[in-house]
């Protein structure tokens, strides 16, 4: 497998569909007709909520349709961090198995998600998600060299900047102190935009170290999710 794409599909609609299809066309240039074939398989799923997993090999493409449900929009995140051992961090697919194992261990320990960190403890991203925090009219994102591109992050940043927020990139990644002291979101194509409302530390879930900060015009994570589904494309 050289590439994998997964996202949430609800009643034949996918948030940020055009961006997902653009990536798929780039990865399947060996067969210009494959994207329409993939869309046909997605349409055949019918109504309901699914999590398609599209795997691209050197000359083949497979579509695995898994029934799913709408994700929770508020989550608990493990506060320790996981050393990033991905071999191809900026590619989606080659390290899929390792990421799944990390996520399963996190959920077994009582958290919904976790963060990948480098050897200095800087936060690169979530296990399967991008990460940002809001602070005084700015949206702060990880621009760590091991952070992969995110369709959902790109869409969310466009919406946030339209509301007047300024994007600040952090080339060395983010810190746990920054994330725990500000409103923090995890963003992925499967789970949308989720707000961190608890941090799991030594067996206890602690709230973020903030209290009613000014939003400075920022939409809520729920409003961003709603907008994305309102704009979702039909497969």
C-alpha atoms as a PDB file:
ATOM      1  CA  UNK A   1       0.000   0.000   0.000  1.00  0.00           C
ATOM      2  CA  UNK A   2       1.433   3.376  -1.001  1.00  0.00           C
ATOM      3  CA  UNK A   3      -1.519   5.574  -0.020  1.00  0.00           C
ATOM      4  CA  UNK A   4      -4.671   5.329   2.068  1.00  0.00           C
ATOM      5  CA  UNK A   5      -7.594   7.711   2.410  1.00  0.00           C
ATOM      6  CA  UNK A   6     -10.413   7.454   4.915  1.00  0.00           C
ATOM      7  CA  UNK A   7     -13.259   9.807   5.762  1.00  0.00           C
ATOM      8  CA  UNK A   8     -16.829   9.858   7.027  1.00  0.00           C
ATOM      9  CA  UNK A   9     -19.687   9.490   4.549  1.00  0.00           C
ATOM     10  CA  UNK A  10     -23.235  10.352   5.616  1.00  0.00           C
ATOM     11  CA  UNK A  11     -26.128   9.482   3.289  1.00  0.00           C
ATOM     12  CA  UNK A  12     -23.887   9.673   0.247  1.00  0.00           C
ATOM     13  CA  UNK A  13     -22.257  12.972   1.178  1.00  0.00           C
ATOM     14  CA  UNK A  14     -18.650  13.661   2.221  1.00  0.00           C
ATOM     15  CA  UNK A  15     -17.304  16.827   3.810  1.00  0.00           C
ATOM     16  CA  UNK A  16     -14.552  18.425   1.665  1.00  0.00           C
ATOM     17  CA  UNK A  17     -15.166  15.798  -1.034  1.00  0.00           C
ATOM     18  CA  UNK A  18     -13.436  17.724  -3.842  1.00  0.00           C
ATOM     19  CA  UNK A  19     -10.170  17.886  -1.880  1.00  0.00           C
ATOM     20  CA  UNK A  20     -10.292  14.137  -1.192  1.00  0.00           C
ATOM     21  CA  UNK A  21     -10.960  13.366  -4.866  1.00  0.00           C
ATOM     22  CA  UNK A  22      -8.126  15.658  -5.985  1.00  0.00           C
ATOM     23  CA  UNK A  23      -5.686  13.722  -3.808  1.00  0.00           C
ATOM     24  CA  UNK A  24      -7.060  10.429  -5.098  1.00  0.00           C
ATOM     25  CA  UNK A  25      -6.587  11.522  -8.717  1.00  0.00           C
ATOM     26  CA  UNK A  26      -2.970  12.414  -7.988  1.00  0.00           C
ATOM     27  CA  UNK A  27      -2.351   9.019  -6.384  1.00  0.00           C
ATOM     28  CA  UNK A  28      -4.115   7.037  -9.150  1.00  0.00           C
ATOM     29  CA  UNK A  29      -2.694   8.803 -12.189  1.00  0.00           C
ATOM     30  CA  UNK A  30      -1.857   5.335 -13.566  1.00  0.00           C
ATOM     31  CA  UNK A  31      -5.604   4.885 -14.265  1.00  0.00           C
ATOM     32  CA  UNK A  32      -7.566   8.066 -15.067  1.00  0.00           C
ATOM     33  CA  UNK A  33     -10.904   6.194 -14.798  1.00  0.00           C
ATOM     34  CA  UNK A  34     -10.399   4.836 -11.282  1.00  0.00           C
ATOM     35  CA  UNK A  35     -11.798   7.841  -9.433  1.00  0.00           C
ATOM     36  CA  UNK A  36     -15.210   7.464 -11.061  1.00  0.00           C
ATOM     37  CA  UNK A  37     -15.096   3.745 -10.245  1.00  0.00           C
ATOM     38  CA  UNK A  38     -14.425   4.606  -6.590  1.00  0.00           C
ATOM     39  CA  UNK A  39     -17.343   7.035  -6.582  1.00  0.00           C
ATOM     40  CA  UNK A  40     -19.625   4.317  -7.943  1.00  0.00           C
ATOM     41  CA  UNK A  41     -18.621   1.995  -5.111  1.00  0.00           C
ATOM     42  CA  UNK A  42     -19.305   4.743  -2.588  1.00  0.00           C
ATOM     43  CA  UNK A  43     -22.737   5.421  -4.104  1.00  0.00           C
ATOM     44  CA  UNK A  44     -23.609   1.730  -3.840  1.00  0.00           C
ATOM     45  CA  UNK A  45     -23.380   1.997  -0.045  1.00  0.00           C
ATOM     46  CA  UNK A  46     -26.756   3.754  -0.006  1.00  0.00           C
ATOM     47  CA  UNK A  47     -28.104   5.742   2.954  1.00  0.00           C
ATOM     48  CA  UNK A  48     -26.457   5.572   6.364  1.00  0.00           C
ATOM     49  CA  UNK A  49     -23.137   6.499   7.935  1.00  0.00           C
ATOM     50  CA  UNK A  50     -19.969   4.806   6.679  1.00  0.00           C
ATOM     51  CA  UNK A  51     -16.216   5.135   7.023  1.00  0.00           C
ATOM     52  CA  UNK A  52     -14.762   4.204   3.624  1.00  0.00           C
ATOM     53  CA  UNK A  53     -11.119   3.154   3.549  1.00  0.00           C
ATOM     54  CA  UNK A  54      -9.561   3.586   0.113  1.00  0.00           C
ATOM     55  CA  UNK A  55      -6.236   1.816  -0.375  1.00  0.00           C
ATOM     56  CA  UNK A  56      -4.025   2.564  -3.365  1.00  0.00           C
ATOM     57  CA  UNK A  57      -1.306   0.133  -4.416  1.00  0.00           C
ATOM     58  CA  UNK A  58       1.100   0.448  -7.318  1.00  0.00           C
ATOM     59  CA  UNK A  59      -1.572  -0.530  -9.851  1.00  0.00           C
ATOM     60  CA  UNK A  60      -4.658  -1.331  -7.771  1.00  0.00           C
ATOM     61  CA  UNK A  61      -7.291   0.477  -5.714  1.00  0.00           C
ATOM     62  CA  UNK A  62      -9.632  -1.099  -3.161  1.00  0.00           C
ATOM     63  CA  UNK A  63     -12.588   0.391  -1.291  1.00  0.00           C
ATOM     64  CA  UNK A  64     -13.608  -1.024   2.089  1.00  0.00           C
ATOM     65  CA  UNK A  65     -16.929   0.302   3.422  1.00  0.00           C
ATOM     66  CA  UNK A  66     -17.314   0.078   7.190  1.00  0.00           C
ATOM     67  CA  UNK A  67     -20.597   1.075   8.910  1.00  0.00           C
ATOM     68  CA  UNK A  68     -19.972   3.869  11.388  1.00  0.00           C
ATOM     69  CA  UNK A  69     -21.681   6.521  13.503  1.00  0.00           C
ATOM     70  CA  UNK A  70     -21.401  10.246  14.018  1.00  0.00           C
ATOM     71  CA  UNK A  71     -18.391  10.974  16.266  1.00  0.00           C
ATOM     72  CA  UNK A  72     -18.491  12.816  19.569  1.00  0.00           C
ATOM     73  CA  UNK A  73     -17.547  16.468  19.209  1.00  0.00           C
ATOM     74  CA  UNK A  74     -15.863  16.741  22.631  1.00  0.00           C
ATOM     75  CA  UNK A  75     -13.063  14.371  23.634  1.00  0.00           C
ATOM     76  CA  UNK A  76     -10.543  13.373  26.272  1.00  0.00           C
ATOM     77  CA  UNK A  77      -6.910  13.268  25.134  1.00  0.00           C
ATOM     78  CA  UNK A  78      -3.990  11.451  26.743  1.00  0.00           C
ATOM     79  CA  UNK A  79      -1.625  14.070  28.175  1.00  0.00           C
ATOM     80  CA  UNK A  80       1.585  12.038  27.989  1.00  0.00           C
ATOM     81  CA  UNK A  81       2.259  12.018  24.267  1.00  0.00           C
ATOM     82  CA  UNK A  82       3.570   9.209  22.064  1.00  0.00           C
ATOM     83  CA  UNK A  83       7.013   9.288  20.460  1.00  0.00           C
ATOM     84  CA  UNK A  84       6.410   9.427  16.716  1.00  0.00           C
ATOM     85  CA  UNK A  85       7.820   6.256  15.158  1.00  0.00           C
ATOM     86  CA  UNK A  86       6.182   6.602  11.761  1.00  0.00           C
ATOM     87  CA  UNK A  87       8.577   5.722   8.954  1.00  0.00           C
ATOM     88  CA  UNK A  88       6.782   7.872   6.383  1.00  0.00           C
ATOM     89  CA  UNK A  89       5.207  10.642   8.489  1.00  0.00           C
ATOM     90  CA  UNK A  90       4.081  12.886   5.651  1.00  0.00           C
ATOM     91  CA  UNK A  91       2.437  10.054   3.675  1.00  0.00           C
ATOM     92  CA  UNK A  92      -1.026   8.738   4.471  1.00  0.00           C
ATOM     93  CA  UNK A  93      -1.054   4.956   4.403  1.00  0.00           C
ATOM     94  CA  UNK A  94       2.351   3.308   4.948  1.00  0.00           C
ATOM     95  CA  UNK A  95       2.182   3.657   8.761  1.00  0.00           C
ATOM     96  CA  UNK A  96      -1.542   2.971   9.058  1.00  0.00           C
ATOM     97  CA  UNK A  97      -1.070  -0.236  11.075  1.00  0.00           C
ATOM     98  CA  UNK A  98       1.219   1.409  13.641  1.00  0.00           C
ATOM     99  CA  UNK A  99      -1.209   4.293  14.053  1.00  0.00           C
ATOM    100  CA  UNK A 100      -4.161   1.947  14.571  1.00  0.00           C
ATOM    101  CA  UNK A 101      -2.264   0.098  17.315  1.00  0.00           C
ATOM    102  CA  UNK A 102      -1.483   3.347  19.118  1.00  0.00           C
ATOM    103  CA  UNK A 103      -5.103   4.467  18.911  1.00  0.00           C
ATOM    104  CA  UNK A 104      -6.373   1.141  20.241  1.00  0.00           C
ATOM    105  CA  UNK A 105      -4.028   1.369  23.235  1.00  0.00           C
ATOM    106  CA  UNK A 106      -5.131   4.924  23.950  1.00  0.00           C
ATOM    107  CA  UNK A 107      -8.792   3.966  23.923  1.00  0.00           C
ATOM    108  CA  UNK A 108      -8.094   0.973  26.151  1.00  0.00           C
ATOM    109  CA  UNK A 109      -6.488   3.324  28.679  1.00  0.00           C
ATOM    110  CA  UNK A 110      -9.550   5.570  28.787  1.00  0.00           C
ATOM    111  CA  UNK A 111      -8.795   8.390  26.360  1.00  0.00           C
ATOM    112  CA  UNK A 112     -10.337   9.125  22.967  1.00  0.00           C
ATOM    113  CA  UNK A 113      -7.148  10.272  21.258  1.00  0.00           C
ATOM    114  CA  UNK A 114      -3.473  10.998  21.743  1.00  0.00           C
ATOM    115  CA  UNK A 115      -0.699  13.227  20.441  1.00  0.00           C
ATOM    116  CA  UNK A 116       2.480  12.350  18.570  1.00  0.00           C
ATOM    117  CA  UNK A 117       5.611  14.057  19.897  1.00  0.00           C
ATOM    118  CA  UNK A 118       9.216  14.328  18.741  1.00  0.00           C
ATOM    119  CA  UNK A 119      12.314  13.520  20.802  1.00  0.00           C
ATOM    120  CA  UNK A 120      12.180  16.985  22.432  1.00  0.00           C
ATOM    121  CA  UNK A 121       8.567  16.548  23.506  1.00  0.00           C
ATOM    122  CA  UNK A 122       7.126  18.942  20.937  1.00  0.00           C
ATOM    123  CA  UNK A 123       3.686  18.007  19.635  1.00  0.00           C
ATOM    124  CA  UNK A 124       3.646  17.098  15.944  1.00  0.00           C
ATOM    125  CA  UNK A 125       0.000  16.133  15.509  1.00  0.00           C
ATOM    126  CA  UNK A 126      -2.626  13.734  16.756  1.00  0.00           C
ATOM    127  CA  UNK A 127      -2.251  10.037  15.960  1.00  0.00           C
ATOM    128  CA  UNK A 128      -4.632  10.405  13.004  1.00  0.00           C
ATOM    129  CA  UNK A 129      -5.425  14.100  13.177  1.00  0.00           C
ATOM    130  CA  UNK A 130      -4.140  17.633  12.880  1.00  0.00           C
ATOM    131  CA  UNK A 131      -4.101  19.810  15.997  1.00  0.00           C
ATOM    132  CA  UNK A 132      -4.583  23.522  16.647  1.00  0.00           C
ATOM    133  CA  UNK A 133      -5.252  25.895  19.517  1.00  0.00           C
ATOM    134  CA  UNK A 134      -7.073  29.229  19.618  1.00  0.00           C
ATOM    135  CA  UNK A 135      -5.575  32.205  21.423  1.00  0.00           C
ATOM    136  CA  UNK A 136      -6.641  35.869  21.369  1.00  0.00           C
ATOM    137  CA  UNK A 137      -7.812  36.059  17.775  1.00  0.00           C
ATOM    138  CA  UNK A 138      -5.206  33.653  16.399  1.00  0.00           C
ATOM    139  CA  UNK A 139      -5.349  30.023  15.323  1.00  0.00           C
ATOM    140  CA  UNK A 140      -2.069  28.230  16.020  1.00  0.00           C
ATOM    141  CA  UNK A 141      -1.050  25.158  14.063  1.00  0.00           C
ATOM    142  CA  UNK A 142       1.846  22.732  13.992  1.00  0.00           C
ATOM    143  CA  UNK A 143       4.150  23.215  11.014  1.00  0.00           C
ATOM    144  CA  UNK A 144       6.514  20.514  12.275  1.00  0.00           C
ATOM    145  CA  UNK A 145       8.373  18.819   9.383  1.00  0.00           C
ATOM    146  CA  UNK A 146       6.825  15.468  10.390  1.00  0.00           C
ATOM    147  CA  UNK A 147       3.248  16.801  10.313  1.00  0.00           C
ATOM    148  CA  UNK A 148       1.224  15.527   7.359  1.00  0.00           C
ATOM    149  CA  UNK A 149      -1.244  17.584   5.332  1.00  0.00           C
ATOM    150  CA  UNK A 150      -4.877  17.581   6.464  1.00  0.00           C
ATOM    151  CA  UNK A 151      -7.899  18.200   4.255  1.00  0.00           C
ATOM    152  CA  UNK A 152     -10.034  18.989   7.305  1.00  0.00           C
ATOM    153  CA  UNK A 153      -7.471  21.375   8.780  1.00  0.00           C
ATOM    154  CA  UNK A 154      -7.226  23.266   5.490  1.00  0.00           C
ATOM    155  CA  UNK A 155     -11.010  23.631   5.318  1.00  0.00           C
ATOM    156  CA  UNK A 156     -11.248  24.740   8.953  1.00  0.00           C
ATOM    157  CA  UNK A 157      -8.483  27.337   8.506  1.00  0.00           C
ATOM    158  CA  UNK A 158     -10.294  28.807   5.533  1.00  0.00           C
ATOM    159  CA  UNK A 159     -13.452  29.205   7.619  1.00  0.00           C
ATOM    160  CA  UNK A 160     -11.572  30.651  10.593  1.00  0.00           C
ATOM    161  CA  UNK A 161      -9.648  33.195   8.541  1.00  0.00           C
ATOM    162  CA  UNK A 162     -12.898  34.278   6.891  1.00  0.00           C
ATOM    163  CA  UNK A 163     -14.039  35.218  10.405  1.00  0.00           C
ATOM    164  CA  UNK A 164     -10.953  37.382  10.912  1.00  0.00           C
ATOM    165  CA  UNK A 165      -8.625  35.030  12.793  1.00  0.00           C
ATOM    166  CA  UNK A 166      -4.918  35.074  11.988  1.00  0.00           C
ATOM    167  CA  UNK A 167      -3.031  31.822  11.406  1.00  0.00           C
ATOM    168  CA  UNK A 168       0.295  31.320  13.191  1.00  0.00           C
ATOM    169  CA  UNK A 169       2.473  28.389  12.155  1.00  0.00           C
ATOM    170  CA  UNK A 170       4.853  26.798  14.654  1.00  0.00           C
ATOM    171  CA  UNK A 171       7.734  25.171  12.728  1.00  0.00           C
ATOM    172  CA  UNK A 172       8.969  23.212  15.762  1.00  0.00           C
ATOM    173  CA  UNK A 173       5.506  21.937  16.653  1.00  0.00           C
ATOM    174  CA  UNK A 174       3.327  22.862  19.608  1.00  0.00           C
ATOM    175  CA  UNK A 175       3.856  22.333  23.326  1.00  0.00           C
ATOM    176  CA  UNK A 176       1.646  20.530  25.818  1.00  0.00           C
ATOM    177  CA  UNK A 177       1.563  23.735  27.868  1.00  0.00           C
ATOM    178  CA  UNK A 178       0.131  25.658  24.913  1.00  0.00           C
ATOM    179  CA  UNK A 179      -2.484  22.992  24.212  1.00  0.00           C
ATOM    180  CA  UNK A 180      -3.573  22.539  27.820  1.00  0.00           C
ATOM    181  CA  UNK A 181      -3.766  26.287  28.429  1.00  0.00           C
ATOM    182  CA  UNK A 182      -5.917  27.171  25.415  1.00  0.00           C
ATOM    183  CA  UNK A 183      -8.945  25.897  23.505  1.00  0.00           C
ATOM    184  CA  UNK A 184      -7.556  22.955  21.540  1.00  0.00           C
ATOM    185  CA  UNK A 185      -9.079  21.109  18.587  1.00  0.00           C
ATOM    186  CA  UNK A 186      -8.198  17.841  16.870  1.00  0.00           C
ATOM    187  CA  UNK A 187      -9.237  17.663  13.222  1.00  0.00           C
ATOM    188  CA  UNK A 188      -9.590  14.652  10.928  1.00  0.00           C
ATOM    189  CA  UNK A 189     -11.628  13.550   7.932  1.00  0.00           C
ATOM    190  CA  UNK A 190     -13.213  10.695   9.896  1.00  0.00           C
ATOM    191  CA  UNK A 191     -14.075  12.524  13.109  1.00  0.00           C
ATOM    192  CA  UNK A 192     -14.353  16.124  11.963  1.00  0.00           C
ATOM    193  CA  UNK A 193     -13.419  18.889  14.396  1.00  0.00           C
ATOM    194  CA  UNK A 194     -13.334  17.835  18.040  1.00  0.00           C
ATOM    195  CA  UNK A 195     -12.717  20.053  21.055  1.00  0.00           C
ATOM    196  CA  UNK A 196     -10.503  18.748  23.850  1.00  0.00           C
ATOM    197  CA  UNK A 197     -12.530  19.001  27.064  1.00  0.00           C
ATOM    198  CA  UNK A 198     -10.423  16.643  29.189  1.00  0.00           C
ATOM    199  CA  UNK A 199      -6.793  15.572  29.565  1.00  0.00           C
ATOM    200  CA  UNK A 200      -6.052  12.083  30.901  1.00  0.00           C
ATOM    201  CA  UNK A 201      -3.112  12.248  33.309  1.00  0.00           C
ATOM    202  CA  UNK A 202      -2.080   9.520  35.788  1.00  0.00           C
ATOM    203  CA  UNK A 203      -5.502   7.918  35.570  1.00  0.00           C
ATOM    204  CA  UNK A 204      -7.480  11.127  36.168  1.00  0.00           C
ATOM    205  CA  UNK A 205      -9.265  13.301  33.627  1.00  0.00           C
ATOM    206  CA  UNK A 206      -8.435  16.975  34.175  1.00  0.00           C
ATOM    207  CA  UNK A 207     -10.130  19.940  32.473  1.00  0.00           C
ATOM    208  CA  UNK A 208      -8.157  22.384  30.313  1.00  0.00           C
ATOM    209  CA  UNK A 209      -6.332  25.070  32.320  1.00  0.00           C
ATOM    210  CA  UNK A 210      -8.532  27.877  31.015  1.00  0.00           C
ATOM    211  CA  UNK A 211     -11.800  29.494  32.079  1.00  0.00           C
ATOM    212  CA  UNK A 212     -14.194  31.190  29.642  1.00  0.00           C
ATOM    213  CA  UNK A 213     -11.549  32.825  27.406  1.00  0.00           C
ATOM    214  CA  UNK A 214     -12.750  35.481  24.909  1.00  0.00           C
ATOM    215  CA  UNK A 215     -13.490  33.862  21.542  1.00  0.00           C
ATOM    216  CA  UNK A 216     -12.508  36.983  19.553  1.00  0.00           C
ATOM    217  CA  UNK A 217     -14.966  36.119  16.796  1.00  0.00           C
ATOM    218  CA  UNK A 218     -13.917  32.481  16.418  1.00  0.00           C
ATOM    219  CA  UNK A 219     -16.677  30.039  15.453  1.00  0.00           C
ATOM    220  CA  UNK A 220     -17.085  27.055  17.761  1.00  0.00           C
ATOM    221  CA  UNK A 221     -15.935  23.587  16.731  1.00  0.00           C
ATOM    222  CA  UNK A 222     -19.595  22.590  16.447  1.00  0.00           C
ATOM    223  CA  UNK A 223     -20.280  25.476  14.067  1.00  0.00           C
ATOM    224  CA  UNK A 224     -17.307  24.459  11.911  1.00  0.00           C
ATOM    225  CA  UNK A 225     -18.580  20.877  11.738  1.00  0.00           C
ATOM    226  CA  UNK A 226     -22.050  22.075  10.806  1.00  0.00           C
ATOM    227  CA  UNK A 227     -20.690  24.270   8.011  1.00  0.00           C
ATOM    228  CA  UNK A 228     -18.604  21.439   6.602  1.00  0.00           C
ATOM    229  CA  UNK A 229     -21.635  19.150   6.401  1.00  0.00           C
ATOM    230  CA  UNK A 230     -23.763  21.896   4.889  1.00  0.00           C
ATOM    231  CA  UNK A 231     -21.153  22.195   2.131  1.00  0.00           C
ATOM    232  CA  UNK A 232     -20.544  18.429   1.814  1.00  0.00           C
ATOM    233  CA  UNK A 233     -20.446  17.076  -1.724  1.00  0.00           C
ATOM    234  CA  UNK A 234     -22.437  14.145  -3.092  1.00  0.00           C
ATOM    235  CA  UNK A 235     -20.392  11.152  -4.177  1.00  0.00           C
END
